[in-house]
Amino acid sequence: MPVIEKLDAKGWICPMPVLRAMKYLRKMEQGDILEVEVNDNKSVTELQKYCDESGNILQSMAELEDNYLIKIQKNER
């Protein structure tokens, strides 16, 4: 069963949410899930780009009232 980690990056501007997500994911096991909450639009775009480049899987992205919830599954290449 995958472990779910949560990263509250609301109020942070890019690139901090991406850098912190990278740090979390490096310590996680394959299949684990990182839930990142951000309210910086640039961070949303950059997290998508990071997943494309790193091989991690962008499981879902939901726009909430004033932020976004992004779920990333750790995937080792």
N, C-alpha and C. Protein backbone atom coordinates (compact mmCIF):
# COMPACT_ATOMS: atom_id res chain seq x y z
N MET A 1 0.85 -1.18 0.00
CA MET A 1 0.00 0.00 0.00
C MET A 1 0.89 1.24 0.00
N PRO A 2 0.63 2.18 -0.91
CA PRO A 2 1.50 3.36 -0.99
C PRO A 2 1.35 4.29 0.21
N VAL A 3 2.45 4.93 0.56
CA VAL A 3 2.44 5.95 1.60
C VAL A 3 2.04 7.26 0.95
N ILE A 4 1.25 8.05 1.66
CA ILE A 4 0.84 9.36 1.14
C ILE A 4 1.48 10.43 2.01
N GLU A 5 2.31 11.27 1.39
CA GLU A 5 2.92 12.42 2.07
C GLU A 5 2.19 13.67 1.64
N LYS A 6 2.16 14.67 2.51
CA LYS A 6 1.49 15.92 2.18
C LYS A 6 2.48 17.08 2.29
N LEU A 7 2.43 17.97 1.30
CA LEU A 7 3.27 19.16 1.28
C LEU A 7 2.37 20.38 1.11
N ASP A 8 2.30 21.20 2.14
CA ASP A 8 1.52 22.44 2.07
C ASP A 8 2.44 23.56 1.62
N ALA A 9 2.33 23.92 0.35
CA ALA A 9 3.19 24.95 -0.22
C ALA A 9 2.38 26.20 -0.56
N LYS A 10 1.23 26.35 0.06
CA LYS A 10 0.44 27.55 -0.16
C LYS A 10 1.21 28.76 0.37
N GLY A 11 1.19 29.84 -0.43
CA GLY A 11 1.89 31.05 -0.03
C GLY A 11 3.32 31.11 -0.54
N TRP A 12 3.82 30.00 -1.05
CA TRP A 12 5.18 29.98 -1.61
C TRP A 12 5.10 30.29 -3.09
N ILE A 13 6.14 30.95 -3.59
CA ILE A 13 6.18 31.21 -5.03
C ILE A 13 7.23 30.32 -5.67
N CYS A 14 7.04 30.09 -6.95
CA CYS A 14 7.95 29.26 -7.72
C CYS A 14 9.35 29.88 -7.68
N PRO A 15 10.37 29.10 -7.48
CA PRO A 15 10.47 27.65 -7.64
C PRO A 15 10.38 26.86 -6.34
N MET A 16 10.10 27.49 -5.19
CA MET A 16 10.14 26.79 -3.91
C MET A 16 9.24 25.55 -3.84
N PRO A 17 7.98 25.60 -4.28
CA PRO A 17 7.16 24.38 -4.22
C PRO A 17 7.75 23.23 -5.02
N VAL A 18 8.33 23.54 -6.18
CA VAL A 18 8.92 22.49 -7.02
C VAL A 18 10.17 21.92 -6.34
N LEU A 19 11.01 22.78 -5.83
CA LEU A 19 12.23 22.32 -5.16
C LEU A 19 11.92 21.47 -3.94
N ARG A 20 10.93 21.88 -3.17
CA ARG A 20 10.55 21.12 -1.97
C ARG A 20 9.92 19.78 -2.36
N ALA A 21 9.09 19.77 -3.43
CA ALA A 21 8.50 18.52 -3.90
C ALA A 21 9.59 17.56 -4.36
N MET A 22 10.60 18.07 -5.05
CA MET A 22 11.72 17.23 -5.49
C MET A 22 12.41 16.59 -4.29
N LYS A 23 12.62 17.38 -3.24
CA LYS A 23 13.28 16.87 -2.03
C LYS A 23 12.45 15.76 -1.38
N TYR A 24 11.15 15.97 -1.26
CA TYR A 24 10.27 14.95 -0.70
C TYR A 24 10.34 13.66 -1.53
N LEU A 25 10.18 13.81 -2.85
CA LEU A 25 10.13 12.64 -3.73
C LEU A 25 11.42 11.84 -3.72
N ARG A 26 12.55 12.50 -3.56
CA ARG A 26 13.83 11.77 -3.50
C ARG A 26 13.87 10.78 -2.33
N LYS A 27 13.19 11.13 -1.24
CA LYS A 27 13.20 10.30 -0.03
C LYS A 27 12.10 9.24 -0.02
N MET A 28 11.19 9.32 -0.98
CA MET A 28 10.05 8.41 -1.00
C MET A 28 10.36 7.15 -1.80
N GLU A 29 9.57 6.12 -1.58
CA GLU A 29 9.71 4.85 -2.29
C GLU A 29 8.84 4.87 -3.55
N GLN A 30 9.21 4.05 -4.51
CA GLN A 30 8.43 3.95 -5.74
C GLN A 30 6.99 3.57 -5.41
N GLY A 31 6.05 4.27 -6.03
CA GLY A 31 4.63 4.00 -5.80
C GLY A 31 4.00 4.90 -4.76
N ASP A 32 4.83 5.52 -3.89
CA ASP A 32 4.30 6.44 -2.89
C ASP A 32 3.74 7.69 -3.57
N ILE A 33 2.88 8.40 -2.86
CA ILE A 33 2.20 9.56 -3.44
C ILE A 33 2.48 10.81 -2.61
N LEU A 34 2.79 11.88 -3.32
CA LEU A 34 2.98 13.19 -2.70
C LEU A 34 1.82 14.08 -3.10
N GLU A 35 1.10 14.61 -2.10
CA GLU A 35 0.03 15.56 -2.34
C GLU A 35 0.57 16.95 -2.06
N VAL A 36 0.58 17.80 -3.08
CA VAL A 36 1.12 19.15 -2.96
C VAL A 36 -0.02 20.15 -3.12
N GLU A 37 -0.14 21.05 -2.14
CA GLU A 37 -1.12 22.13 -2.25
C GLU A 37 -0.37 23.42 -2.53
N VAL A 38 -0.74 24.09 -3.62
CA VAL A 38 -0.12 25.36 -4.01
C VAL A 38 -1.21 26.36 -4.40
N ASN A 39 -0.86 27.63 -4.34
CA ASN A 39 -1.78 28.65 -4.85
C ASN A 39 -1.07 29.60 -5.81
N ASP A 40 0.11 29.20 -6.26
CA ASP A 40 0.89 29.94 -7.24
C ASP A 40 0.74 29.26 -8.60
N ASN A 41 0.12 29.94 -9.56
CA ASN A 41 -0.14 29.33 -10.88
C ASN A 41 1.13 28.85 -11.56
N LYS A 42 2.21 29.59 -11.43
CA LYS A 42 3.48 29.20 -12.06
C LYS A 42 3.96 27.87 -11.48
N SER A 43 3.75 27.66 -10.20
CA SER A 43 4.16 26.40 -9.57
C SER A 43 3.40 25.22 -10.15
N VAL A 44 2.13 25.42 -10.48
CA VAL A 44 1.32 24.35 -11.08
C VAL A 44 1.96 23.92 -12.40
N THR A 45 2.27 24.89 -13.24
CA THR A 45 2.90 24.62 -14.54
C THR A 45 4.25 23.94 -14.37
N GLU A 46 5.04 24.44 -13.43
CA GLU A 46 6.38 23.89 -13.23
C GLU A 46 6.34 22.48 -12.62
N LEU A 47 5.36 22.19 -11.78
CA LEU A 47 5.23 20.84 -11.24
C LEU A 47 4.86 19.85 -12.35
N GLN A 48 3.99 20.29 -13.28
CA GLN A 48 3.66 19.44 -14.43
C GLN A 48 4.91 19.17 -15.26
N LYS A 49 5.68 20.20 -15.52
CA LYS A 49 6.90 20.06 -16.31
C LYS A 49 7.90 19.15 -15.60
N TYR A 50 8.03 19.32 -14.28
CA TYR A 50 8.94 18.46 -13.51
C TYR A 50 8.54 16.99 -13.66
N CYS A 51 7.25 16.69 -13.56
CA CYS A 51 6.80 15.29 -13.70
C CYS A 51 7.14 14.75 -15.09
N ASP A 52 6.90 15.55 -16.11
CA ASP A 52 7.22 15.12 -17.48
C ASP A 52 8.71 14.79 -17.63
N GLU A 53 9.55 15.62 -17.03
CA GLU A 53 10.99 15.46 -17.18
C GLU A 53 11.59 14.39 -16.27
N SER A 54 11.00 14.19 -15.09
CA SER A 54 11.58 13.28 -14.10
C SER A 54 11.08 11.85 -14.22
N GLY A 55 9.94 11.65 -14.88
CA GLY A 55 9.37 10.32 -14.96
C GLY A 55 8.39 10.02 -13.85
N ASN A 56 8.26 10.95 -12.88
CA ASN A 56 7.23 10.78 -11.86
C ASN A 56 5.86 10.99 -12.52
N ILE A 57 4.83 10.44 -11.92
CA ILE A 57 3.51 10.43 -12.55
C ILE A 57 2.60 11.47 -11.90
N LEU A 58 2.11 12.39 -12.72
CA LEU A 58 1.12 13.35 -12.25
C LEU A 58 -0.22 12.63 -12.23
N GLN A 59 -0.64 12.20 -11.06
CA GLN A 59 -1.87 11.40 -10.95
C GLN A 59 -3.12 12.24 -11.14
N SER A 60 -3.13 13.40 -10.49
CA SER A 60 -4.31 14.26 -10.62
C SER A 60 -3.97 15.68 -10.23
N MET A 61 -4.82 16.58 -10.71
CA MET A 61 -4.71 17.99 -10.36
C MET A 61 -6.12 18.52 -10.20
N ALA A 62 -6.40 19.10 -9.06
CA ALA A 62 -7.73 19.63 -8.80
C ALA A 62 -7.62 21.09 -8.38
N GLU A 63 -8.47 21.92 -8.99
CA GLU A 63 -8.53 23.32 -8.59
C GLU A 63 -9.55 23.43 -7.47
N LEU A 64 -9.10 23.87 -6.31
CA LEU A 64 -9.99 24.05 -5.17
C LEU A 64 -10.40 25.52 -5.12
N GLU A 65 -10.97 25.98 -4.02
CA GLU A 65 -11.45 27.36 -3.93
C GLU A 65 -10.35 28.38 -4.23
N ASP A 66 -9.25 28.28 -3.52
CA ASP A 66 -8.20 29.28 -3.70
C ASP A 66 -6.82 28.65 -3.90
N ASN A 67 -6.79 27.38 -4.24
CA ASN A 67 -5.51 26.72 -4.47
C ASN A 67 -5.69 25.48 -5.35
N TYR A 68 -4.60 24.78 -5.55
CA TYR A 68 -4.59 23.55 -6.36
C TYR A 68 -4.07 22.41 -5.51
N LEU A 69 -4.61 21.23 -5.72
CA LEU A 69 -4.11 20.02 -5.08
C LEU A 69 -3.57 19.13 -6.19
N ILE A 70 -2.28 18.87 -6.13
CA ILE A 70 -1.61 18.08 -7.16
C ILE A 70 -1.10 16.80 -6.51
N LYS A 71 -1.42 15.66 -7.11
CA LYS A 71 -0.97 14.37 -6.60
C LYS A 71 0.06 13.81 -7.56
N ILE A 72 1.25 13.52 -7.01
CA ILE A 72 2.36 13.01 -7.80
C ILE A 72 2.75 11.64 -7.25
N GLN A 73 2.82 10.66 -8.12
CA GLN A 73 3.26 9.32 -7.71
C GLN A 73 4.73 9.16 -8.05
N LYS A 74 5.50 8.73 -7.07
CA LYS A 74 6.93 8.49 -7.26
C LYS A 74 7.11 7.33 -8.23
N ASN A 75 7.91 7.56 -9.25
CA ASN A 75 8.18 6.53 -10.26
C ASN A 75 9.67 6.58 -10.60
N GLU A 76 10.34 5.49 -10.40
CA GLU A 76 11.76 5.43 -10.72
C GLU A 76 11.93 4.96 -12.13
N ARG A 77 12.82 5.61 -12.83
CA ARG A 77 13.09 5.23 -14.22
C ARG A 77 14.02 4.07 -14.26
